[in-house]
């Protein structure tokens, strides 16, 4: 069993400038859990997570084929997106 981290990779483009990517730990998954158990936790986080760049914007959440989740503006307009992923922590 492993220790897992839920991370958010947020990409933002402001006023036509070059986009930048910010990665941060949303939270660790508590306890030693299997990948499948940690994916259940990721799903729970994805349903309620709103990245800073999309605060105040209606969003839609979708699951990608690799098990990660995308948080996107519901209208399809906007210059931000967020990918929530599960990574294995190998060093505290």
PDB file of N, CA and C in Angstrom:
ATOM      1  N   UNK A   1       0.842  -1.173   0.000  1.00  0.00           N
ATOM      2  CA  UNK A   1       0.000   0.000   0.000  1.00  0.00           C
ATOM      3  C   UNK A   1       0.888   1.236   0.000  1.00  0.00           C
ATOM      4  N   UNK A   2       0.353   2.318  -0.514  1.00  0.00           N
ATOM      5  CA  UNK A   2       1.131   3.526  -0.710  1.00  0.00           C
ATOM      6  C   UNK A   2       0.447   4.732  -0.100  1.00  0.00           C
ATOM      7  N   UNK A   3       1.214   5.808  -0.022  1.00  0.00           N
ATOM      8  CA  UNK A   3       0.666   7.094   0.369  1.00  0.00           C
ATOM      9  C   UNK A   3       0.428   7.879  -0.914  1.00  0.00           C
ATOM     10  N   UNK A   4      -0.744   8.493  -1.013  1.00  0.00           N
ATOM     11  CA  UNK A   4      -1.149   9.172  -2.241  1.00  0.00           C
ATOM     12  C   UNK A   4      -1.402  10.654  -1.995  1.00  0.00           C
ATOM     13  N   UNK A   5      -1.192  11.455  -3.026  1.00  0.00           N
ATOM     14  CA  UNK A   5      -1.489  12.882  -2.998  1.00  0.00           C
ATOM     15  C   UNK A   5      -2.470  13.196  -4.108  1.00  0.00           C
ATOM     16  N   UNK A   6      -3.438  14.042  -3.807  1.00  0.00           N
ATOM     17  CA  UNK A   6      -4.333  14.554  -4.837  1.00  0.00           C
ATOM     18  C   UNK A   6      -3.794  15.928  -5.207  1.00  0.00           C
ATOM     19  N   UNK A   7      -3.455  16.089  -6.482  1.00  0.00           N
ATOM     20  CA  UNK A   7      -2.892  17.366  -6.929  1.00  0.00           C
ATOM     21  C   UNK A   7      -3.806  18.008  -7.968  1.00  0.00           C
ATOM     22  N   UNK A   8      -3.682  19.322  -8.079  1.00  0.00           N
ATOM     23  CA  UNK A   8      -4.418  20.081  -9.092  1.00  0.00           C
ATOM     24  C   UNK A   8      -3.406  20.759 -10.004  1.00  0.00           C
ATOM     25  N   UNK A   9      -3.525  20.498 -11.296  1.00  0.00           N
ATOM     26  CA  UNK A   9      -2.706  21.166 -12.309  1.00  0.00           C
ATOM     27  C   UNK A   9      -3.604  22.187 -12.989  1.00  0.00           C
ATOM     28  N   UNK A  10      -3.395  23.445 -12.682  1.00  0.00           N
ATOM     29  CA  UNK A  10      -4.253  24.500 -13.191  1.00  0.00           C
ATOM     30  C   UNK A  10      -3.526  25.270 -14.293  1.00  0.00           C
ATOM     31  N   UNK A  11      -4.197  25.437 -15.419  1.00  0.00           N
ATOM     32  CA  UNK A  11      -3.644  26.199 -16.534  1.00  0.00           C
ATOM     33  C   UNK A  11      -4.509  27.434 -16.749  1.00  0.00           C
ATOM     34  N   UNK A  12      -3.858  28.596 -16.783  1.00  0.00           N
ATOM     35  CA  UNK A  12      -4.588  29.858 -16.906  1.00  0.00           C
ATOM     36  C   UNK A  12      -3.951  30.713 -17.996  1.00  0.00           C
ATOM     37  N   UNK A  13      -4.792  31.324 -18.821  1.00  0.00           N
ATOM     38  CA  UNK A  13      -4.354  32.297 -19.803  1.00  0.00           C
ATOM     39  C   UNK A  13      -5.087  33.595 -19.508  1.00  0.00           C
ATOM     40  N   UNK A  14      -4.350  34.664 -19.304  1.00  0.00           N
ATOM     41  CA  UNK A  14      -4.971  35.940 -18.950  1.00  0.00           C
ATOM     42  C   UNK A  14      -4.709  36.985 -20.024  1.00  0.00           C
ATOM     43  N   UNK A  15      -5.763  37.591 -20.494  1.00  0.00           N
ATOM     44  CA  UNK A  15      -5.683  38.709 -21.441  1.00  0.00           C
ATOM     45  C   UNK A  15      -4.789  38.439 -22.642  1.00  0.00           C
ATOM     46  N   UNK A  16      -4.909  37.255 -23.206  1.00  0.00           N
ATOM     47  CA  UNK A  16      -4.182  36.934 -24.425  1.00  0.00           C
ATOM     48  C   UNK A  16      -2.700  36.663 -24.233  1.00  0.00           C
ATOM     49  N   UNK A  17      -2.218  36.709 -22.998  1.00  0.00           N
ATOM     50  CA  UNK A  17      -0.796  36.443 -22.761  1.00  0.00           C
ATOM     51  C   UNK A  17      -0.551  34.934 -22.766  1.00  0.00           C
ATOM     52  N   UNK A  18       0.701  34.578 -22.657  1.00  0.00           N
ATOM     53  CA  UNK A  18       1.050  33.158 -22.643  1.00  0.00           C
ATOM     54  C   UNK A  18       0.441  32.479 -21.423  1.00  0.00           C
ATOM     55  N   UNK A  19       0.007  31.250 -21.596  1.00  0.00           N
ATOM     56  CA  UNK A  19      -0.597  30.525 -20.479  1.00  0.00           C
ATOM     57  C   UNK A  19       0.492  30.062 -19.520  1.00  0.00           C
ATOM     58  N   UNK A  20       0.099  29.920 -18.274  1.00  0.00           N
ATOM     59  CA  UNK A  20       1.019  29.379 -17.272  1.00  0.00           C
ATOM     60  C   UNK A  20       0.319  28.262 -16.509  1.00  0.00           C
ATOM     61  N   UNK A  21       1.124  27.363 -16.012  1.00  0.00           N
ATOM     62  CA  UNK A  21       0.606  26.199 -15.299  1.00  0.00           C
ATOM     63  C   UNK A  21       1.056  26.258 -13.843  1.00  0.00           C
ATOM     64  N   UNK A  22       0.130  25.978 -12.953  1.00  0.00           N
ATOM     65  CA  UNK A  22       0.419  25.964 -11.534  1.00  0.00           C
ATOM     66  C   UNK A  22      -0.007  24.615 -10.988  1.00  0.00           C
ATOM     67  N   UNK A  23       0.869  23.975 -10.231  1.00  0.00           N
ATOM     68  CA  UNK A  23       0.562  22.673  -9.646  1.00  0.00           C
ATOM     69  C   UNK A  23       0.602  22.816  -8.132  1.00  0.00           C
ATOM     70  N   UNK A  24      -0.439  22.306  -7.467  1.00  0.00           N
ATOM     71  CA  UNK A  24      -0.433  22.342  -6.004  1.00  0.00           C
ATOM     72  C   UNK A  24      -1.092  21.085  -5.454  1.00  0.00           C
ATOM     73  N   UNK A  25      -0.708  20.741  -4.236  1.00  0.00           N
ATOM     74  CA  UNK A  25      -1.310  19.602  -3.555  1.00  0.00           C
ATOM     75  C   UNK A  25      -2.646  20.062  -2.987  1.00  0.00           C
ATOM     76  N   UNK A  26      -3.725  19.399  -3.386  1.00  0.00           N
ATOM     77  CA  UNK A  26      -5.048  19.702  -2.842  1.00  0.00           C
ATOM     78  C   UNK A  26      -5.133  19.111  -1.443  1.00  0.00           C
ATOM     79  N   UNK A  27      -4.755  17.845  -1.328  1.00  0.00           N
ATOM     80  CA  UNK A  27      -4.687  17.208  -0.011  1.00  0.00           C
ATOM     81  C   UNK A  27      -4.079  15.820  -0.147  1.00  0.00           C
ATOM     82  N   UNK A  28      -3.464  15.332   0.929  1.00  0.00           N
ATOM     83  CA  UNK A  28      -3.002  13.945   0.910  1.00  0.00           C
ATOM     84  C   UNK A  28      -4.190  13.014   1.171  1.00  0.00           C
ATOM     85  N   UNK A  29      -4.083  11.799   0.691  1.00  0.00           N
ATOM     86  CA  UNK A  29      -5.093  10.781   0.993  1.00  0.00           C
ATOM     87  C   UNK A  29      -4.617  10.106   2.277  1.00  0.00           C
ATOM     88  N   UNK A  30      -5.424  10.198   3.321  1.00  0.00           N
ATOM     89  CA  UNK A  30      -4.995   9.705   4.628  1.00  0.00           C
ATOM     90  C   UNK A  30      -4.951   8.185   4.674  1.00  0.00           C
ATOM     91  N   UNK A  31      -3.958   7.664   5.403  1.00  0.00           N
ATOM     92  CA  UNK A  31      -3.820   6.221   5.578  1.00  0.00           C
ATOM     93  C   UNK A  31      -3.180   5.559   4.372  1.00  0.00           C
ATOM     94  N   UNK A  32      -2.664   4.382   4.584  1.00  0.00           N
ATOM     95  CA  UNK A  32      -2.113   3.595   3.480  1.00  0.00           C
ATOM     96  C   UNK A  32      -3.268   2.954   2.735  1.00  0.00           C
ATOM     97  N   UNK A  33      -3.470   3.368   1.503  1.00  0.00           N
ATOM     98  CA  UNK A  33      -4.593   2.857   0.711  1.00  0.00           C
ATOM     99  C   UNK A  33      -4.088   2.318  -0.614  1.00  0.00           C
ATOM    100  N   UNK A  34      -4.862   1.418  -1.179  1.00  0.00           N
ATOM    101  CA  UNK A  34      -4.550   0.931  -2.515  1.00  0.00           C
ATOM    102  C   UNK A  34      -4.872   2.043  -3.510  1.00  0.00           C
ATOM    103  N   UNK A  35      -4.404   1.886  -4.726  1.00  0.00           N
ATOM    104  CA  UNK A  35      -4.700   2.883  -5.760  1.00  0.00           C
ATOM    105  C   UNK A  35      -6.207   3.008  -5.973  1.00  0.00           C
ATOM    106  N   UNK A  36      -6.902   1.887  -5.963  1.00  0.00           N
ATOM    107  CA  UNK A  36      -8.349   1.904  -6.181  1.00  0.00           C
ATOM    108  C   UNK A  36      -9.065   2.676  -5.073  1.00  0.00           C
ATOM    109  N   UNK A  37      -8.629   2.486  -3.823  1.00  0.00           N
ATOM    110  CA  UNK A  37      -9.215   3.226  -2.705  1.00  0.00           C
ATOM    111  C   UNK A  37      -8.912   4.718  -2.819  1.00  0.00           C
ATOM    112  N   UNK A  38      -7.702   5.048  -3.242  1.00  0.00           N
ATOM    113  CA  UNK A  38      -7.314   6.446  -3.411  1.00  0.00           C
ATOM    114  C   UNK A  38      -8.094   7.097  -4.560  1.00  0.00           C
ATOM    115  N   UNK A  39      -8.407   6.331  -5.609  1.00  0.00           N
ATOM    116  CA  UNK A  39      -9.202   6.868  -6.716  1.00  0.00           C
ATOM    117  C   UNK A  39     -10.615   7.240  -6.268  1.00  0.00           C
ATOM    118  N   UNK A  40     -11.158   6.502  -5.294  1.00  0.00           N
ATOM    119  CA  UNK A  40     -12.467   6.834  -4.729  1.00  0.00           C
ATOM    120  C   UNK A  40     -12.384   8.203  -4.043  1.00  0.00           C
ATOM    121  N   UNK A  41     -11.293   8.451  -3.318  1.00  0.00           N
ATOM    122  CA  UNK A  41     -11.092   9.749  -2.663  1.00  0.00           C
ATOM    123  C   UNK A  41     -10.938  10.863  -3.698  1.00  0.00           C
ATOM    124  N   UNK A  42     -10.217  10.574  -4.766  1.00  0.00           N
ATOM    125  CA  UNK A  42     -10.049  11.560  -5.842  1.00  0.00           C
ATOM    126  C   UNK A  42     -11.404  11.930  -6.435  1.00  0.00           C
ATOM    127  N   UNK A  43     -12.256  10.955  -6.640  1.00  0.00           N
ATOM    128  CA  UNK A  43     -13.591  11.200  -7.187  1.00  0.00           C
ATOM    129  C   UNK A  43     -14.386  12.121  -6.264  1.00  0.00           C
ATOM    130  N   UNK A  44     -14.316  11.900  -4.956  1.00  0.00           N
ATOM    131  CA  UNK A  44     -15.013  12.749  -3.991  1.00  0.00           C
ATOM    132  C   UNK A  44     -14.514  14.188  -4.052  1.00  0.00           C
ATOM    133  N   UNK A  45     -13.213  14.355  -4.148  1.00  0.00           N
ATOM    134  CA  UNK A  45     -12.624  15.703  -4.225  1.00  0.00           C
ATOM    135  C   UNK A  45     -13.040  16.382  -5.527  1.00  0.00           C
ATOM    136  N   UNK A  46     -13.010  15.638  -6.619  1.00  0.00           N
ATOM    137  CA  UNK A  46     -13.327  16.214  -7.931  1.00  0.00           C
ATOM    138  C   UNK A  46     -14.749  16.765  -7.994  1.00  0.00           C
ATOM    139  N   UNK A  47     -15.684  16.125  -7.295  1.00  0.00           N
ATOM    140  CA  UNK A  47     -17.073  16.578  -7.339  1.00  0.00           C
ATOM    141  C   UNK A  47     -17.265  17.945  -6.697  1.00  0.00           C
ATOM    142  N   UNK A  48     -16.381  18.330  -5.782  1.00  0.00           N
ATOM    143  CA  UNK A  48     -16.587  19.594  -5.071  1.00  0.00           C
ATOM    144  C   UNK A  48     -15.466  20.617  -5.263  1.00  0.00           C
ATOM    145  N   UNK A  49     -14.397  20.248  -5.946  1.00  0.00           N
ATOM    146  CA  UNK A  49     -13.250  21.162  -6.090  1.00  0.00           C
ATOM    147  C   UNK A  49     -13.510  22.231  -7.146  1.00  0.00           C
ATOM    148  N   UNK A  50     -13.244  23.471  -6.768  1.00  0.00           N
ATOM    149  CA  UNK A  50     -13.275  24.581  -7.722  1.00  0.00           C
ATOM    150  C   UNK A  50     -11.941  25.310  -7.629  1.00  0.00           C
ATOM    151  N   UNK A  51     -11.162  25.302  -8.703  1.00  0.00           N
ATOM    152  CA  UNK A  51      -9.871  25.976  -8.656  1.00  0.00           C
ATOM    153  C   UNK A  51     -10.045  27.487  -8.541  1.00  0.00           C
ATOM    154  N   UNK A  52      -9.028  28.153  -8.025  1.00  0.00           N
ATOM    155  CA  UNK A  52      -9.084  29.606  -7.822  1.00  0.00           C
ATOM    156  C   UNK A  52      -9.461  30.353  -9.102  1.00  0.00           C
ATOM    157  N   UNK A  53      -8.918  29.930 -10.229  1.00  0.00           N
ATOM    158  CA  UNK A  53      -9.171  30.638 -11.487  1.00  0.00           C
ATOM    159  C   UNK A  53     -10.600  30.486 -11.993  1.00  0.00           C
ATOM    160  N   UNK A  54     -11.349  29.535 -11.436  1.00  0.00           N
ATOM    161  CA  UNK A  54     -12.730  29.323 -11.879  1.00  0.00           C
ATOM    162  C   UNK A  54     -13.755  29.653 -10.789  1.00  0.00           C
ATOM    163  N   UNK A  55     -13.317  30.288  -9.710  1.00  0.00           N
ATOM    164  CA  UNK A  55     -14.252  30.701  -8.648  1.00  0.00           C
ATOM    165  C   UNK A  55     -15.264  31.670  -9.246  1.00  0.00           C
ATOM    166  N   UNK A  56     -16.528  31.485  -8.912  1.00  0.00           N
ATOM    167  CA  UNK A  56     -17.577  32.352  -9.425  1.00  0.00           C
ATOM    168  C   UNK A  56     -18.035  31.980 -10.831  1.00  0.00           C
ATOM    169  N   UNK A  57     -17.475  30.923 -11.393  1.00  0.00           N
ATOM    170  CA  UNK A  57     -17.834  30.454 -12.731  1.00  0.00           C
ATOM    171  C   UNK A  57     -18.516  29.102 -12.605  1.00  0.00           C
ATOM    172  N   UNK A  58     -19.564  28.899 -13.369  1.00  0.00           N
ATOM    173  CA  UNK A  58     -20.227  27.600 -13.393  1.00  0.00           C
ATOM    174  C   UNK A  58     -19.291  26.604 -14.076  1.00  0.00           C
ATOM    175  N   UNK A  59     -19.076  25.445 -13.452  1.00  0.00           N
ATOM    176  CA  UNK A  59     -18.120  24.480 -13.987  1.00  0.00           C
ATOM    177  C   UNK A  59     -18.770  23.121 -14.249  1.00  0.00           C
ATOM    178  N   UNK A  60     -18.079  22.336 -15.045  1.00  0.00           N
ATOM    179  CA  UNK A  60     -18.455  20.956 -15.313  1.00  0.00           C
ATOM    180  C   UNK A  60     -17.221  20.107 -15.023  1.00  0.00           C
ATOM    181  N   UNK A  61     -17.438  18.890 -14.503  1.00  0.00           N
ATOM    182  CA  UNK A  61     -16.340  17.988 -14.166  1.00  0.00           C
ATOM    183  C   UNK A  61     -16.479  16.722 -14.990  1.00  0.00           C
ATOM    184  N   UNK A  62     -15.383  16.296 -15.582  1.00  0.00           N
ATOM    185  CA  UNK A  62     -15.391  15.078 -16.375  1.00  0.00           C
ATOM    186  C   UNK A  62     -14.197  14.206 -16.049  1.00  0.00           C
ATOM    187  N   UNK A  63     -14.371  12.889 -16.218  1.00  0.00           N
ATOM    188  CA  UNK A  63     -13.283  11.943 -15.960  1.00  0.00           C
ATOM    189  C   UNK A  63     -12.566  11.622 -17.267  1.00  0.00           C
ATOM    190  N   UNK A  64     -11.244  11.659 -17.221  1.00  0.00           N
ATOM    191  CA  UNK A  64     -10.423  11.327 -18.377  1.00  0.00           C
ATOM    192  C   UNK A  64     -10.127   9.822 -18.367  1.00  0.00           C
ATOM    193  N   UNK A  65      -9.655   9.306 -19.488  1.00  0.00           N
ATOM    194  CA  UNK A  65      -9.407   7.866 -19.602  1.00  0.00           C
ATOM    195  C   UNK A  65      -8.305   7.365 -18.672  1.00  0.00           C
ATOM    196  N   UNK A  66      -7.439   8.258 -18.198  1.00  0.00           N
ATOM    197  CA  UNK A  66      -6.362   7.849 -17.286  1.00  0.00           C
ATOM    198  C   UNK A  66      -6.784   7.887 -15.818  1.00  0.00           C
ATOM    199  N   UNK A  67      -8.064   8.201 -15.541  1.00  0.00           N
ATOM    200  CA  UNK A  67      -8.560   8.248 -14.172  1.00  0.00           C
ATOM    201  C   UNK A  67      -8.524   9.625 -13.543  1.00  0.00           C
ATOM    202  N   UNK A  68      -7.921  10.595 -14.220  1.00  0.00           N
ATOM    203  CA  UNK A  68      -7.895  11.964 -13.696  1.00  0.00           C
ATOM    204  C   UNK A  68      -9.209  12.660 -14.035  1.00  0.00           C
ATOM    205  N   UNK A  69      -9.416  13.826 -13.432  1.00  0.00           N
ATOM    206  CA  UNK A  69     -10.639  14.591 -13.656  1.00  0.00           C
ATOM    207  C   UNK A  69     -10.296  15.979 -14.183  1.00  0.00           C
ATOM    208  N   UNK A  70     -11.132  16.490 -15.060  1.00  0.00           N
ATOM    209  CA  UNK A  70     -10.998  17.849 -15.583  1.00  0.00           C
ATOM    210  C   UNK A  70     -12.115  18.709 -15.012  1.00  0.00           C
ATOM    211  N   UNK A  71     -11.761  19.901 -14.538  1.00  0.00           N
ATOM    212  CA  UNK A  71     -12.731  20.898 -14.119  1.00  0.00           C
ATOM    213  C   UNK A  71     -12.638  22.008 -15.161  1.00  0.00           C
ATOM    214  N   UNK A  72     -13.748  22.252 -15.860  1.00  0.00           N
ATOM    215  CA  UNK A  72     -13.767  23.191 -16.982  1.00  0.00           C
ATOM    216  C   UNK A  72     -14.926  24.159 -16.830  1.00  0.00           C
ATOM    217  N   UNK A  73     -14.813  25.355 -17.449  1.00  0.00           N
ATOM    218  CA  UNK A  73     -15.959  26.271 -17.429  1.00  0.00           C
ATOM    219  C   UNK A  73     -17.121  25.646 -18.182  1.00  0.00           C
ATOM    220  N   UNK A  74     -18.312  25.691 -17.588  1.00  0.00           N
ATOM    221  CA  UNK A  74     -19.491  25.047 -18.174  1.00  0.00           C
ATOM    222  C   UNK A  74     -19.876  25.662 -19.510  1.00  0.00           C
ATOM    223  N   UNK A  75     -19.694  26.951 -19.649  1.00  0.00           N
ATOM    224  CA  UNK A  75     -20.079  27.644 -20.872  1.00  0.00           C
ATOM    225  C   UNK A  75     -19.129  27.373 -22.026  1.00  0.00           C
ATOM    226  N   UNK A  76     -17.987  26.783 -21.726  1.00  0.00           N
ATOM    227  CA  UNK A  76     -16.991  26.586 -22.772  1.00  0.00           C
ATOM    228  C   UNK A  76     -16.177  27.836 -23.024  1.00  0.00           C
ATOM    229  N   UNK A  77     -16.535  28.908 -22.347  1.00  0.00           N
ATOM    230  CA  UNK A  77     -15.801  30.164 -22.479  1.00  0.00           C
ATOM    231  C   UNK A  77     -14.887  30.313 -21.270  1.00  0.00           C
ATOM    232  N   UNK A  78     -13.846  31.027 -21.454  1.00  0.00           N
ATOM    233  CA  UNK A  78     -12.914  31.233 -20.356  1.00  0.00           C
ATOM    234  C   UNK A  78     -11.544  30.717 -20.732  1.00  0.00           C
ATOM    235  N   UNK A  79     -10.605  31.049 -19.922  1.00  0.00           N
ATOM    236  CA  UNK A  79      -9.217  30.732 -20.247  1.00  0.00           C
ATOM    237  C   UNK A  79      -8.554  29.952 -19.131  1.00  0.00           C
ATOM    238  N   UNK A  80      -9.312  29.071 -18.497  1.00  0.00           N
ATOM    239  CA  UNK A  80      -8.749  28.297 -17.394  1.00  0.00           C
ATOM    240  C   UNK A  80      -9.256  26.866 -17.451  1.00  0.00           C
ATOM    241  N   UNK A  81      -8.429  25.974 -16.954  1.00  0.00           N
ATOM    242  CA  UNK A  81      -8.831  24.583 -16.790  1.00  0.00           C
ATOM    243  C   UNK A  81      -8.024  24.012 -15.638  1.00  0.00           C
ATOM    244  N   UNK A  82      -8.511  22.918 -15.094  1.00  0.00           N
ATOM    245  CA  UNK A  82      -7.829  22.292 -13.967  1.00  0.00           C
ATOM    246  C   UNK A  82      -7.938  20.780 -14.116  1.00  0.00           C
ATOM    247  N   UNK A  83      -6.807  20.106 -13.975  1.00  0.00           N
ATOM    248  CA  UNK A  83      -6.767  18.648 -14.037  1.00  0.00           C
ATOM    249  C   UNK A  83      -6.426  18.131 -12.647  1.00  0.00           C
ATOM    250  N   UNK A  84      -7.317  17.342 -12.060  1.00  0.00           N
ATOM    251  CA  UNK A  84      -7.087  16.741 -10.747  1.00  0.00           C
ATOM    252  C   UNK A  84      -6.553  15.335 -10.945  1.00  0.00           C
ATOM    253  N   UNK A  85      -5.408  15.061 -10.315  1.00  0.00           N
ATOM    254  CA  UNK A  85      -4.730  13.785 -10.515  1.00  0.00           C
ATOM    255  C   UNK A  85      -4.334  13.168  -9.186  1.00  0.00           C
ATOM    256  N   UNK A  86      -4.068  11.894  -9.254  1.00  0.00           N
ATOM    257  CA  UNK A  86      -3.589  11.147  -8.113  1.00  0.00           C
ATOM    258  C   UNK A  86      -2.130  10.787  -8.381  1.00  0.00           C
ATOM    259  N   UNK A  87      -1.246  11.109  -7.435  1.00  0.00           N
ATOM    260  CA  UNK A  87       0.141  10.707  -7.584  1.00  0.00           C
ATOM    261  C   UNK A  87       0.594   9.988  -6.319  1.00  0.00           C
ATOM    262  N   UNK A  88       1.544   9.094  -6.488  1.00  0.00           N
ATOM    263  CA  UNK A  88       2.079   8.348  -5.351  1.00  0.00           C
ATOM    264  C   UNK A  88       3.197   9.155  -4.709  1.00  0.00           C
ATOM    265  N   UNK A  89       3.107   9.324  -3.405  1.00  0.00           N
ATOM    266  CA  UNK A  89       4.166  10.041  -2.681  1.00  0.00           C
ATOM    267  C   UNK A  89       5.290   9.062  -2.409  1.00  0.00           C
ATOM    268  N   UNK A  90       6.512   9.416  -2.808  1.00  0.00           N
ATOM    269  CA  UNK A  90       7.638   8.507  -2.591  1.00  0.00           C
ATOM    270  C   UNK A  90       8.598   9.031  -1.527  1.00  0.00           C
ATOM    271  N   UNK A  91       8.453  10.307  -1.165  1.00  0.00           N
ATOM    272  CA  UNK A  91       9.291  10.891  -0.132  1.00  0.00           C
ATOM    273  C   UNK A  91       8.481  11.896   0.660  1.00  0.00           C
ATOM    274  N   UNK A  92       8.524  11.832   1.989  1.00  0.00           N
ATOM    275  CA  UNK A  92       7.727  12.793   2.771  1.00  0.00           C
ATOM    276  C   UNK A  92       8.267  14.206   2.682  1.00  0.00           C
TER     277      UNK A  92
END
